């Protein structure tokens, strides 16, 4: 089966799944990674009337959204905000989206979020060390240096 221009081996099960009377469960392997346990993907749909192609096409369109949320929660603390107002939440989402975009586009061409995130983390550490070095070089006392680094 072809999904998004890639070939996959698929197996479909239809039937009762826990409390779902008629679910569709699809096991999927990319053709080039068949047999690799890490490449196996399982998709579940509560709408068993959808074809296997429709289910996989829907998941392939949904995947970038899932990835955005996973990355934003894992690296940008999306799930840690404590804002209550609608206006504040909208602003927070805008900032999160902008930071995610900057991570993906930092080099003026698209890169993965992880690559961009590592780049900005390295930049931050470099700036911290540069500032500390300048602080020490300008003759600050040992106590002032310790206070600066916390």
C-alpha atoms as a PDB file:
ATOM      1  CA  UNK A   1       0.000   0.000   0.000  1.00  0.00           C
ATOM      2  CA  UNK A   2       1.229   3.513  -0.797  1.00  0.00           C
ATOM      3  CA  UNK A   3       0.783   6.359   1.697  1.00  0.00           C
ATOM      4  CA  UNK A   4       2.345   9.759   1.112  1.00  0.00           C
ATOM      5  CA  UNK A   5       4.569   8.374  -1.633  1.00  0.00           C
ATOM      6  CA  UNK A   6       5.999   5.574   0.549  1.00  0.00           C
ATOM      7  CA  UNK A   7       5.312   1.856   0.307  1.00  0.00           C
ATOM      8  CA  UNK A   8       4.044  -0.072   3.345  1.00  0.00           C
ATOM      9  CA  UNK A   9       3.110  -3.625   4.229  1.00  0.00           C
ATOM     10  CA  UNK A  10      -0.144  -3.572   6.183  1.00  0.00           C
ATOM     11  CA  UNK A  11      -2.352  -5.994   8.082  1.00  0.00           C
ATOM     12  CA  UNK A  12      -5.869  -5.068   9.183  1.00  0.00           C
ATOM     13  CA  UNK A  13      -7.948  -6.533  12.003  1.00  0.00           C
ATOM     14  CA  UNK A  14     -11.603  -5.617  12.450  1.00  0.00           C
ATOM     15  CA  UNK A  15     -13.611  -6.561  15.482  1.00  0.00           C
ATOM     16  CA  UNK A  16     -14.137  -6.043  19.189  1.00  0.00           C
ATOM     17  CA  UNK A  17     -11.365  -4.197  20.977  1.00  0.00           C
ATOM     18  CA  UNK A  18     -11.890  -3.710  24.718  1.00  0.00           C
ATOM     19  CA  UNK A  19     -15.099  -1.648  24.970  1.00  0.00           C
ATOM     20  CA  UNK A  20     -15.202  -0.803  21.262  1.00  0.00           C
ATOM     21  CA  UNK A  21     -17.643  -3.167  19.526  1.00  0.00           C
ATOM     22  CA  UNK A  22     -16.129  -2.772  16.044  1.00  0.00           C
ATOM     23  CA  UNK A  23     -12.682  -1.214  15.715  1.00  0.00           C
ATOM     24  CA  UNK A  24     -10.112  -1.322  12.946  1.00  0.00           C
ATOM     25  CA  UNK A  25      -6.534  -2.095  13.992  1.00  0.00           C
ATOM     26  CA  UNK A  26      -3.868  -1.655  11.338  1.00  0.00           C
ATOM     27  CA  UNK A  27      -0.303  -2.948  11.637  1.00  0.00           C
ATOM     28  CA  UNK A  28       2.042  -1.130   9.278  1.00  0.00           C
ATOM     29  CA  UNK A  29       5.690  -1.610   8.273  1.00  0.00           C
ATOM     30  CA  UNK A  30       7.568   0.599   5.820  1.00  0.00           C
ATOM     31  CA  UNK A  31       8.625  -1.638   2.934  1.00  0.00           C
ATOM     32  CA  UNK A  32      12.300  -0.690   3.370  1.00  0.00           C
ATOM     33  CA  UNK A  33      12.259  -1.567   7.096  1.00  0.00           C
ATOM     34  CA  UNK A  34      10.148  -4.719   7.095  1.00  0.00           C
ATOM     35  CA  UNK A  35      10.968  -6.914  10.083  1.00  0.00           C
ATOM     36  CA  UNK A  36      12.545  -4.109  12.107  1.00  0.00           C
ATOM     37  CA  UNK A  37      10.525  -4.051  15.361  1.00  0.00           C
ATOM     38  CA  UNK A  38      11.202  -0.328  15.825  1.00  0.00           C
ATOM     39  CA  UNK A  39       9.582   0.462  12.464  1.00  0.00           C
ATOM     40  CA  UNK A  40       6.263  -1.216  13.277  1.00  0.00           C
ATOM     41  CA  UNK A  41       3.358   1.215  13.673  1.00  0.00           C
ATOM     42  CA  UNK A  42      -0.103   0.341  14.951  1.00  0.00           C
ATOM     43  CA  UNK A  43      -3.122   2.490  14.138  1.00  0.00           C
ATOM     44  CA  UNK A  44      -6.547   2.154  15.725  1.00  0.00           C
ATOM     45  CA  UNK A  45      -9.779   3.593  14.383  1.00  0.00           C
ATOM     46  CA  UNK A  46     -13.190   3.432  16.024  1.00  0.00           C
ATOM     47  CA  UNK A  47     -14.716   3.894  12.570  1.00  0.00           C
ATOM     48  CA  UNK A  48     -14.220   0.470  10.985  1.00  0.00           C
ATOM     49  CA  UNK A  49     -16.173   1.580   7.912  1.00  0.00           C
ATOM     50  CA  UNK A  50     -13.169   3.605   6.767  1.00  0.00           C
ATOM     51  CA  UNK A  51     -10.842   1.826   4.365  1.00  0.00           C
ATOM     52  CA  UNK A  52      -7.272   1.066   5.376  1.00  0.00           C
ATOM     53  CA  UNK A  53      -6.115   3.703   2.881  1.00  0.00           C
ATOM     54  CA  UNK A  54      -8.400   6.356   4.401  1.00  0.00           C
ATOM     55  CA  UNK A  55      -7.215   5.596   7.946  1.00  0.00           C
ATOM     56  CA  UNK A  56      -3.529   5.713   7.019  1.00  0.00           C
ATOM     57  CA  UNK A  57      -3.955   8.874   4.919  1.00  0.00           C
ATOM     58  CA  UNK A  58      -5.679  10.564   7.872  1.00  0.00           C
ATOM     59  CA  UNK A  59      -2.921   9.529  10.288  1.00  0.00           C
ATOM     60  CA  UNK A  60      -0.214  10.688   7.861  1.00  0.00           C
ATOM     61  CA  UNK A  61      -1.812  14.152   7.732  1.00  0.00           C
ATOM     62  CA  UNK A  62      -2.259  14.169  11.518  1.00  0.00           C
ATOM     63  CA  UNK A  63       1.296  13.041  12.330  1.00  0.00           C
ATOM     64  CA  UNK A  64       2.996  16.484  12.038  1.00  0.00           C
ATOM     65  CA  UNK A  65       0.443  17.851  14.524  1.00  0.00           C
ATOM     66  CA  UNK A  66       1.174  15.026  16.982  1.00  0.00           C
ATOM     67  CA  UNK A  67       4.893  15.628  16.560  1.00  0.00           C
ATOM     68  CA  UNK A  68       4.465  19.372  17.252  1.00  0.00           C
ATOM     69  CA  UNK A  69       2.665  18.640  20.523  1.00  0.00           C
ATOM     70  CA  UNK A  70       5.173  16.003  21.634  1.00  0.00           C
ATOM     71  CA  UNK A  71       8.123  18.305  20.923  1.00  0.00           C
ATOM     72  CA  UNK A  72       6.433  21.320  22.496  1.00  0.00           C
ATOM     73  CA  UNK A  73       5.598  19.384  25.650  1.00  0.00           C
ATOM     74  CA  UNK A  74       8.982  17.691  25.893  1.00  0.00           C
ATOM     75  CA  UNK A  75      11.290  20.614  25.116  1.00  0.00           C
ATOM     76  CA  UNK A  76       9.232  23.803  25.433  1.00  0.00           C
ATOM     77  CA  UNK A  77       7.134  22.875  28.505  1.00  0.00           C
ATOM     78  CA  UNK A  78       3.815  23.323  26.708  1.00  0.00           C
ATOM     79  CA  UNK A  79       2.075  21.173  29.307  1.00  0.00           C
ATOM     80  CA  UNK A  80       3.445  23.239  32.231  1.00  0.00           C
ATOM     81  CA  UNK A  81       1.841  26.632  31.652  1.00  0.00           C
ATOM     82  CA  UNK A  82      -0.432  28.004  34.385  1.00  0.00           C
ATOM     83  CA  UNK A  83      -2.261  30.723  32.500  1.00  0.00           C
ATOM     84  CA  UNK A  84      -5.996  30.975  33.087  1.00  0.00           C
ATOM     85  CA  UNK A  85      -7.257  33.775  30.851  1.00  0.00           C
ATOM     86  CA  UNK A  86      -8.236  33.129  27.253  1.00  0.00           C
ATOM     87  CA  UNK A  87      -6.101  36.057  26.103  1.00  0.00           C
ATOM     88  CA  UNK A  88      -3.074  34.755  28.019  1.00  0.00           C
ATOM     89  CA  UNK A  89      -3.489  31.240  26.632  1.00  0.00           C
ATOM     90  CA  UNK A  90      -3.734  32.573  23.085  1.00  0.00           C
ATOM     91  CA  UNK A  91      -0.567  34.620  23.584  1.00  0.00           C
ATOM     92  CA  UNK A  92       1.237  31.641  25.083  1.00  0.00           C
ATOM     93  CA  UNK A  93       0.249  29.448  22.122  1.00  0.00           C
ATOM     94  CA  UNK A  94       1.468  32.129  19.733  1.00  0.00           C
ATOM     95  CA  UNK A  95       4.831  32.311  21.500  1.00  0.00           C
ATOM     96  CA  UNK A  96       5.128  28.497  21.564  1.00  0.00           C
ATOM     97  CA  UNK A  97       4.352  28.292  17.849  1.00  0.00           C
ATOM     98  CA  UNK A  98       6.874  31.031  17.079  1.00  0.00           C
ATOM     99  CA  UNK A  99       9.629  29.327  19.100  1.00  0.00           C
ATOM    100  CA  UNK A 100       8.878  26.015  17.367  1.00  0.00           C
ATOM    101  CA  UNK A 101       9.028  27.752  13.975  1.00  0.00           C
ATOM    102  CA  UNK A 102      12.325  29.468  14.851  1.00  0.00           C
ATOM    103  CA  UNK A 103      13.837  26.129  15.847  1.00  0.00           C
ATOM    104  CA  UNK A 104      12.824  24.635  12.498  1.00  0.00           C
ATOM    105  CA  UNK A 105      13.976  27.630  10.430  1.00  0.00           C
ATOM    106  CA  UNK A 106      17.019  28.954  12.315  1.00  0.00           C
ATOM    107  CA  UNK A 107      19.396  28.383   9.405  1.00  0.00           C
ATOM    108  CA  UNK A 108      17.118  30.044   6.804  1.00  0.00           C
ATOM    109  CA  UNK A 109      16.242  26.617   5.487  1.00  0.00           C
ATOM    110  CA  UNK A 110      14.114  23.939   7.079  1.00  0.00           C
ATOM    111  CA  UNK A 111      15.730  21.629   9.610  1.00  0.00           C
ATOM    112  CA  UNK A 112      14.192  19.339  12.188  1.00  0.00           C
ATOM    113  CA  UNK A 113      12.925  20.833  15.426  1.00  0.00           C
ATOM    114  CA  UNK A 114      15.494  18.776  17.361  1.00  0.00           C
ATOM    115  CA  UNK A 115      18.387  20.157  15.277  1.00  0.00           C
ATOM    116  CA  UNK A 116      17.199  23.725  15.787  1.00  0.00           C
ATOM    117  CA  UNK A 117      16.585  23.186  19.490  1.00  0.00           C
ATOM    118  CA  UNK A 118      20.121  21.811  19.952  1.00  0.00           C
ATOM    119  CA  UNK A 119      21.502  24.785  18.006  1.00  0.00           C
ATOM    120  CA  UNK A 120      19.757  27.316  20.266  1.00  0.00           C
ATOM    121  CA  UNK A 121      20.737  25.428  23.434  1.00  0.00           C
ATOM    122  CA  UNK A 122      24.369  25.487  22.300  1.00  0.00           C
ATOM    123  CA  UNK A 123      24.088  29.212  21.505  1.00  0.00           C
ATOM    124  CA  UNK A 124      22.648  29.893  24.967  1.00  0.00           C
ATOM    125  CA  UNK A 125      25.446  27.966  26.700  1.00  0.00           C
ATOM    126  CA  UNK A 126      28.084  29.713  24.586  1.00  0.00           C
ATOM    127  CA  UNK A 127      26.682  33.133  25.519  1.00  0.00           C
ATOM    128  CA  UNK A 128      26.572  32.203  29.211  1.00  0.00           C
ATOM    129  CA  UNK A 129      30.191  31.046  29.191  1.00  0.00           C
ATOM    130  CA  UNK A 130      31.294  34.104  27.205  1.00  0.00           C
ATOM    131  CA  UNK A 131      29.590  36.427  29.700  1.00  0.00           C
ATOM    132  CA  UNK A 132      31.096  34.593  32.674  1.00  0.00           C
ATOM    133  CA  UNK A 133      34.530  34.667  31.089  1.00  0.00           C
ATOM    134  CA  UNK A 134      34.250  38.435  30.513  1.00  0.00           C
ATOM    135  CA  UNK A 135      33.021  38.910  34.090  1.00  0.00           C
ATOM    136  CA  UNK A 136      36.057  37.062  35.465  1.00  0.00           C
ATOM    137  CA  UNK A 137      38.479  38.690  33.013  1.00  0.00           C
ATOM    138  CA  UNK A 138      37.333  42.154  34.123  1.00  0.00           C
ATOM    139  CA  UNK A 139      38.582  41.403  37.625  1.00  0.00           C
ATOM    140  CA  UNK A 140      35.433  40.396  39.482  1.00  0.00           C
ATOM    141  CA  UNK A 141      35.927  38.837  42.892  1.00  0.00           C
ATOM    142  CA  UNK A 142      35.424  35.124  43.471  1.00  0.00           C
ATOM    143  CA  UNK A 143      32.334  35.915  45.569  1.00  0.00           C
ATOM    144  CA  UNK A 144      30.830  37.938  42.703  1.00  0.00           C
ATOM    145  CA  UNK A 145      31.488  35.076  40.275  1.00  0.00           C
ATOM    146  CA  UNK A 146      29.781  32.571  42.592  1.00  0.00           C
ATOM    147  CA  UNK A 147      26.834  34.930  43.007  1.00  0.00           C
ATOM    148  CA  UNK A 148      26.557  35.282  39.234  1.00  0.00           C
ATOM    149  CA  UNK A 149      26.475  31.538  38.537  1.00  0.00           C
ATOM    150  CA  UNK A 150      24.041  30.872  41.367  1.00  0.00           C
END
